[in-house]
Amino acid sequence: MKIISKENVLAVIKDQQEKGYHIDPKVELATAGAKALFSLTIDDQQTLLSLVMANNSGHRFLTPKKQARTLLAVTERLLENNLHLSDLAHGNVDEEYNPVWFRPCVEIDAQFDYERFGWVYLTFPAKHHLKYSPGGTFRIYDGNRKCLVLGKRLLAGETSYKKIPALLIVPKPFY
């Protein structure tokens, strides 16, 4: 893990956006307000699967309250329930969720390419995140969809793991 300047982060964000990567605008706000930024590499599959997904009403049934939200737990729920991203994206699943949230997942999965993965934006998880996700390492601030797709691909044996870049934002932003 190494310290990286706000200017360098913003330059990477701009470059990735010009290449067509989706980066939530909140990332730029978080970068501007950060006390420290660290670039790091997620070296192995176990570390990736220990990331804690954001709690989002769009996918609440995969990240239920008071249950584990590590990428491993969420991906296992997806696979154990035989849920397919295309079915989720088209509203063909009998759960309360937002199909629109899953539509980019279908595109990411269909065009999956590590070269286009870009940074996963991370924060330190709050204590309440770790209460139900023991072993969780970092919380995904932006990149939940691509991480869910990669987790699904890894656990389903569709892809082998390759190192991916990440940015740790300190302290955790509140937006």
Protein backbone atom coordinates (compact mmCIF):
# COMPACT_ATOMS: atom_id res chain seq x y z
CA MET A 1 0.00 0.00 0.00
CA LYS A 2 1.41 3.40 -0.90
CA ILE A 3 0.26 6.96 -0.41
CA ILE A 4 -1.04 8.65 -3.55
CA SER A 5 -1.83 12.33 -4.01
CA LYS A 6 -5.30 13.71 -4.64
CA GLU A 7 -4.04 15.11 -7.93
CA ASN A 8 -2.86 11.71 -9.10
CA VAL A 9 -6.14 10.08 -8.04
CA LEU A 10 -8.18 12.70 -9.88
CA ALA A 11 -5.99 12.22 -12.98
CA VAL A 12 -6.60 8.44 -12.89
CA ILE A 13 -10.34 9.00 -12.42
CA LYS A 14 -10.42 11.37 -15.38
CA ASP A 15 -8.45 8.93 -17.53
CA GLN A 16 -10.72 6.03 -16.60
CA GLN A 17 -13.85 8.10 -17.28
CA GLU A 18 -12.47 9.06 -20.71
CA LYS A 19 -12.02 5.33 -21.40
CA GLY A 20 -15.70 4.78 -20.59
CA TYR A 21 -15.40 3.43 -17.04
CA HIS A 22 -18.32 4.30 -14.78
CA ILE A 23 -17.13 5.98 -11.59
CA ASP A 24 -19.73 7.34 -9.21
CA PRO A 25 -19.38 11.15 -8.80
CA LYS A 26 -19.23 10.61 -5.02
CA VAL A 27 -15.69 9.23 -5.52
CA GLU A 28 -14.40 12.63 -6.64
CA LEU A 29 -16.07 14.27 -3.62
CA ALA A 30 -14.58 11.66 -1.30
CA THR A 31 -11.15 12.15 -2.87
CA ALA A 32 -11.33 15.91 -2.37
CA GLY A 33 -12.32 15.46 1.28
CA ALA A 34 -9.91 12.65 2.12
CA LYS A 35 -7.15 13.08 4.67
CA ALA A 36 -5.19 10.27 3.00
CA LEU A 37 -5.42 8.13 -0.14
CA PHE A 38 -3.61 4.84 -0.65
CA SER A 39 -3.19 2.82 -3.81
CA LEU A 40 -3.02 -0.91 -3.27
CA THR A 41 -3.42 -4.18 -5.08
CA ILE A 42 -5.91 -6.85 -4.12
CA ASP A 43 -3.45 -9.70 -4.54
CA ASP A 44 -5.61 -12.77 -4.14
CA GLN A 45 -9.12 -14.14 -4.41
CA GLN A 46 -9.51 -14.56 -0.64
CA THR A 47 -8.83 -10.86 -0.06
CA LEU A 48 -11.27 -9.86 -2.79
CA LEU A 49 -13.97 -12.08 -1.31
CA SER A 50 -13.38 -10.56 2.15
CA LEU A 51 -14.46 -7.09 0.95
CA VAL A 52 -17.71 -5.88 2.51
CA MET A 53 -20.41 -4.81 0.06
CA ALA A 54 -22.35 -1.61 0.55
CA ASN A 55 -25.80 -1.92 2.05
CA ASN A 56 -28.11 -0.89 -0.78
CA SER A 57 -31.86 -1.22 -1.18
CA GLY A 58 -31.29 -2.15 -4.83
CA HIS A 59 -29.87 -5.49 -3.75
CA ARG A 60 -31.07 -5.75 -0.14
CA PHE A 61 -32.08 -9.42 -0.42
CA LEU A 62 -28.43 -10.23 -1.17
CA THR A 63 -27.18 -7.96 1.65
CA PRO A 64 -29.81 -8.49 4.35
CA LYS A 65 -29.59 -6.57 7.59
CA LYS A 66 -27.79 -8.37 10.42
CA GLN A 67 -26.18 -10.91 8.05
CA ALA A 68 -22.74 -11.16 6.49
CA ARG A 69 -22.10 -8.77 3.60
CA THR A 70 -18.67 -9.93 2.55
CA LEU A 71 -18.41 -10.45 -1.17
CA LEU A 72 -18.07 -14.17 -0.47
CA ALA A 73 -21.35 -14.30 1.52
CA VAL A 74 -23.23 -12.21 -1.05
CA THR A 75 -21.93 -14.20 -4.01
CA GLU A 76 -22.74 -17.48 -2.28
CA ARG A 77 -26.34 -16.25 -1.74
CA LEU A 78 -26.55 -15.43 -5.42
CA LEU A 79 -25.27 -18.83 -6.53
CA GLU A 80 -27.00 -20.95 -3.86
CA ASN A 81 -30.34 -19.46 -4.90
CA ASN A 82 -29.53 -20.09 -8.57
CA LEU A 83 -29.96 -16.41 -9.37
CA HIS A 84 -28.77 -15.16 -12.74
CA LEU A 85 -27.77 -11.56 -13.33
CA SER A 86 -29.91 -11.35 -16.48
CA ASP A 87 -33.00 -12.52 -14.55
CA LEU A 88 -32.28 -9.99 -11.82
CA ALA A 89 -31.81 -7.22 -14.39
CA HIS A 90 -35.16 -7.97 -16.00
CA GLY A 91 -37.13 -8.24 -12.77
CA ASN A 92 -37.67 -11.99 -13.13
CA VAL A 93 -36.85 -12.83 -9.52
CA ASP A 94 -39.45 -13.05 -6.77
CA GLU A 95 -37.71 -10.72 -4.32
CA GLU A 96 -38.05 -7.07 -3.39
CA TYR A 97 -35.19 -5.29 -5.17
CA ASN A 98 -34.43 -2.82 -7.95
CA PRO A 99 -33.78 -4.56 -11.30
CA VAL A 100 -32.14 -1.38 -12.63
CA TRP A 101 -29.29 -1.86 -10.13
CA PHE A 102 -28.41 -5.18 -11.80
CA ARG A 103 -28.48 -4.02 -15.45
CA PRO A 104 -24.87 -2.83 -15.49
CA CYS A 105 -23.89 -6.19 -13.96
CA VAL A 106 -25.13 -7.99 -17.08
CA GLU A 107 -23.00 -5.76 -19.31
CA ILE A 108 -19.93 -6.10 -17.06
CA ASP A 109 -20.33 -9.88 -17.07
CA ALA A 110 -20.83 -10.13 -20.84
CA GLN A 111 -17.79 -7.94 -21.57
CA PHE A 112 -15.67 -9.03 -18.63
CA ASP A 113 -12.06 -8.03 -19.06
CA TYR A 114 -9.51 -7.51 -16.30
CA GLU A 115 -7.88 -4.82 -18.44
CA ARG A 116 -11.07 -2.74 -18.10
CA PHE A 117 -11.63 -3.44 -14.41
CA GLY A 118 -10.13 -0.21 -13.06
CA TRP A 119 -9.83 0.68 -9.40
CA VAL A 120 -12.14 -0.63 -6.71
CA TYR A 121 -12.71 2.24 -4.27
CA LEU A 122 -12.48 1.16 -0.63
CA THR A 123 -12.90 2.52 2.87
CA PHE A 124 -12.28 1.01 6.27
CA PRO A 125 -15.46 -0.72 7.41
CA ALA A 126 -17.36 0.61 10.40
CA LYS A 127 -17.57 -1.59 13.49
CA HIS A 128 -21.20 -2.48 12.71
CA HIS A 129 -20.13 -3.78 9.28
CA LEU A 130 -17.66 -6.14 10.90
CA LYS A 131 -20.12 -7.30 13.55
CA TYR A 132 -21.97 -9.32 10.93
CA SER A 133 -19.06 -9.75 8.52
CA PRO A 134 -16.21 -11.07 10.65
CA GLY A 135 -13.10 -11.36 8.57
CA GLY A 136 -14.18 -8.44 6.39
CA THR A 137 -11.21 -6.35 5.37
CA PHE A 138 -12.39 -3.20 3.58
CA ARG A 139 -15.81 -1.85 2.61
CA ILE A 140 -16.47 -1.31 -1.09
CA TYR A 141 -17.23 2.38 -1.54
CA ASP A 142 -17.58 2.20 -5.34
CA GLY A 143 -17.27 -0.87 -7.52
CA ASN A 144 -19.90 -3.10 -5.90
CA ARG A 145 -21.29 -4.25 -9.26
CA LYS A 146 -17.99 -5.21 -10.85
CA CYS A 147 -16.91 -6.94 -7.63
CA LEU A 148 -20.18 -8.88 -7.50
CA VAL A 149 -19.70 -9.95 -11.12
CA LEU A 150 -16.09 -10.96 -10.49
CA GLY A 151 -17.06 -12.83 -7.31
CA LYS A 152 -19.77 -14.70 -9.21
CA ARG A 153 -17.38 -15.54 -12.04
CA LEU A 154 -14.72 -16.79 -9.61
CA LEU A 155 -17.03 -18.96 -7.50
CA ALA A 156 -18.76 -20.35 -10.61
CA GLY A 157 -15.36 -21.26 -12.10
CA GLU A 158 -15.82 -18.95 -15.10
CA THR A 159 -12.70 -16.87 -14.45
CA SER A 160 -9.40 -17.32 -12.68
CA TYR A 161 -8.23 -14.60 -10.31
CA LYS A 162 -5.85 -11.84 -11.37
CA LYS A 163 -4.65 -9.01 -9.16
CA ILE A 164 -6.80 -5.88 -9.27
CA PRO A 165 -6.00 -2.29 -8.30
CA ALA A 166 -7.78 -0.45 -5.51
CA LEU A 167 -7.84 2.93 -3.83
CA LEU A 168 -8.33 3.25 -0.08
CA ILE A 169 -10.03 6.49 0.97
CA VAL A 170 -9.33 7.64 4.55
CA PRO A 171 -11.39 8.56 6.49
CA LYS A 172 -14.62 6.92 5.38
CA PRO A 173 -16.69 9.55 3.53
CA PHE A 174 -20.23 10.22 4.71
CA TYR A 175 -21.77 10.64 1.25
